[in-house]
Amino acid sequence: QVQLVESGGGLVHAGGSLRLSCVPSERTSSTSFMGWFRQAPGKEREFVARILWSGGSTYAVDSVKGRFTISRDNAKNTVYLQMNSLTAEDTAVYYCYADLYGGNRYWGAGIQVTVSS
């Protein structure tokens, strides 16, 4: 059972930046993708961005392109979500996830990001 630990959330003013981090509890060669979802109050959880763990290619939803950057540090076994130019619409609980080649998906507990306007 892989556990994911998120950090870096908090309260920021509109236009500000935050960097989220996600660290799996164990290093595994079976990780295919890692990424982030978010869930705003009263809304469904939505995909934000993902990164191919081995090759590093990335994909992000249109609403965050140009503002959010996903990256990973293989040596630290950590995935990051750099969030710039934050708006109130980015306020949500952000969830890290990891997909394994066997088909399992693991989730972090979630971390709050609040953007004040």
Protein backbone atom coordinates (compact mmCIF):
# COMPACT_ATOMS: atom_id res chain seq x y z
CA GLN A 1 0.00 0.00 0.00
CA VAL A 2 1.62 3.23 -1.17
CA GLN A 3 0.90 6.29 0.91
CA LEU A 4 1.25 9.76 -0.53
CA VAL A 5 2.05 12.73 1.66
CA GLU A 6 1.25 16.22 0.37
CA SER A 7 2.67 19.46 1.68
CA GLY A 8 2.93 23.12 0.73
CA GLY A 9 -0.68 24.22 0.81
CA GLY A 10 -2.03 27.22 2.65
CA LEU A 11 -3.51 30.67 2.25
CA VAL A 12 -2.26 33.06 -0.40
CA HIS A 13 -3.47 36.30 -1.92
CA ALA A 14 -4.71 36.39 -5.49
CA GLY A 15 -1.78 36.65 -7.87
CA GLY A 16 0.48 34.80 -5.49
CA SER A 17 2.22 31.45 -5.75
CA LEU A 18 2.42 28.18 -3.90
CA ARG A 19 4.34 24.98 -4.51
CA LEU A 20 2.80 21.68 -3.56
CA SER A 21 4.92 18.61 -2.94
CA CYS A 22 3.96 14.95 -2.86
CA VAL A 23 6.16 12.16 -1.58
CA PRO A 24 5.26 8.48 -1.81
CA SER A 25 5.92 6.38 1.26
CA GLU A 26 8.05 4.04 -0.79
CA ARG A 27 10.01 4.14 -3.98
CA THR A 28 8.62 1.85 -6.64
CA SER A 29 9.66 1.10 -10.18
CA SER A 30 6.01 0.43 -10.99
CA THR A 31 4.94 4.07 -10.99
CA SER A 32 3.64 5.17 -14.37
CA PHE A 33 2.09 8.57 -13.69
CA MET A 34 1.84 10.90 -10.77
CA GLY A 35 -0.27 14.00 -10.69
CA TRP A 36 -2.83 16.19 -9.04
CA PHE A 37 -6.58 16.54 -8.85
CA ARG A 38 -8.49 19.21 -6.98
CA GLN A 39 -11.93 19.57 -5.48
CA ALA A 40 -13.51 22.94 -4.83
CA PRO A 41 -16.39 23.31 -2.37
CA GLY A 42 -19.61 22.00 -3.87
CA LYS A 43 -17.87 20.72 -7.00
CA GLU A 44 -16.66 17.40 -8.27
CA ARG A 45 -13.03 16.43 -8.11
CA GLU A 46 -11.29 17.52 -11.29
CA PHE A 47 -8.01 16.60 -12.94
CA VAL A 48 -5.27 19.25 -12.83
CA ALA A 49 -1.99 17.85 -14.14
CA ARG A 50 0.08 14.70 -14.46
CA ILE A 51 3.65 13.68 -15.23
CA LEU A 52 5.06 10.50 -16.70
CA TRP A 53 7.38 9.32 -13.97
CA SER A 54 10.03 7.79 -16.18
CA GLY A 55 10.08 10.13 -19.15
CA GLY A 56 8.91 13.34 -17.53
CA SER A 57 6.36 14.34 -20.15
CA THR A 58 3.54 16.39 -18.69
CA TYR A 59 -0.07 17.27 -19.33
CA ALA A 60 -2.25 19.88 -17.65
CA VAL A 61 -5.85 20.95 -17.95
CA ASP A 62 -6.42 24.10 -20.00
CA SER A 63 -7.55 26.19 -17.02
CA VAL A 64 -4.10 25.98 -15.42
CA LYS A 65 -1.83 25.91 -18.46
CA GLY A 66 0.68 28.71 -18.36
CA ARG A 67 0.19 29.12 -14.59
CA PHE A 68 0.80 25.69 -13.07
CA THR A 69 3.82 23.51 -13.69
CA ILE A 70 4.17 19.90 -12.67
CA SER A 71 7.60 18.42 -12.23
CA ARG A 72 9.36 15.61 -10.44
CA ASP A 73 12.65 14.95 -8.75
CA ASN A 74 13.52 11.30 -9.16
CA ALA A 75 16.33 11.47 -6.63
CA LYS A 76 13.97 12.83 -3.99
CA ASN A 77 11.09 10.68 -5.20
CA THR A 78 8.94 13.78 -5.14
CA VAL A 79 6.44 15.37 -7.49
CA TYR A 80 5.77 19.10 -7.38
CA LEU A 81 3.00 21.40 -8.52
CA GLN A 82 4.20 24.97 -8.89
CA MET A 83 1.18 27.24 -8.93
CA ASN A 84 1.56 30.85 -10.05
CA SER A 85 -0.90 33.67 -10.68
CA LEU A 86 -3.40 32.04 -8.37
CA THR A 87 -7.00 33.17 -8.42
CA ALA A 88 -9.94 32.55 -6.12
CA GLU A 89 -11.12 29.89 -8.58
CA ASP A 90 -8.05 27.82 -7.68
CA THR A 91 -9.26 27.48 -4.10
CA ALA A 92 -9.72 23.77 -3.49
CA VAL A 93 -8.40 20.72 -1.75
CA TYR A 94 -5.60 19.37 -3.90
CA TYR A 95 -5.01 15.62 -4.06
CA CYS A 96 -1.85 13.92 -5.20
CA TYR A 97 -2.21 10.58 -6.94
CA ALA A 98 0.04 7.85 -8.23
CA ASP A 99 -0.79 5.33 -10.92
CA LEU A 100 1.06 2.05 -10.99
CA TYR A 101 1.55 -0.10 -14.08
CA GLY A 102 -0.48 -2.83 -12.44
CA GLY A 103 -3.51 -0.55 -12.62
CA ASN A 104 -3.73 0.57 -9.01
CA ARG A 105 -4.20 4.23 -8.18
CA TYR A 106 -3.24 5.67 -4.83
CA TRP A 107 -4.34 8.96 -3.37
CA GLY A 108 -3.00 11.39 -0.85
CA ALA A 109 -5.21 12.71 1.92
CA GLY A 110 -5.48 16.10 0.27
CA ILE A 111 -4.18 19.54 1.15
CA GLN A 112 -6.06 22.82 1.31
CA VAL A 113 -5.18 25.71 -0.97
CA THR A 114 -7.08 28.92 -0.30
CA VAL A 115 -6.70 32.00 -2.49
CA SER A 116 -8.08 35.21 -1.09
CA SER A 117 -9.35 37.79 -3.55
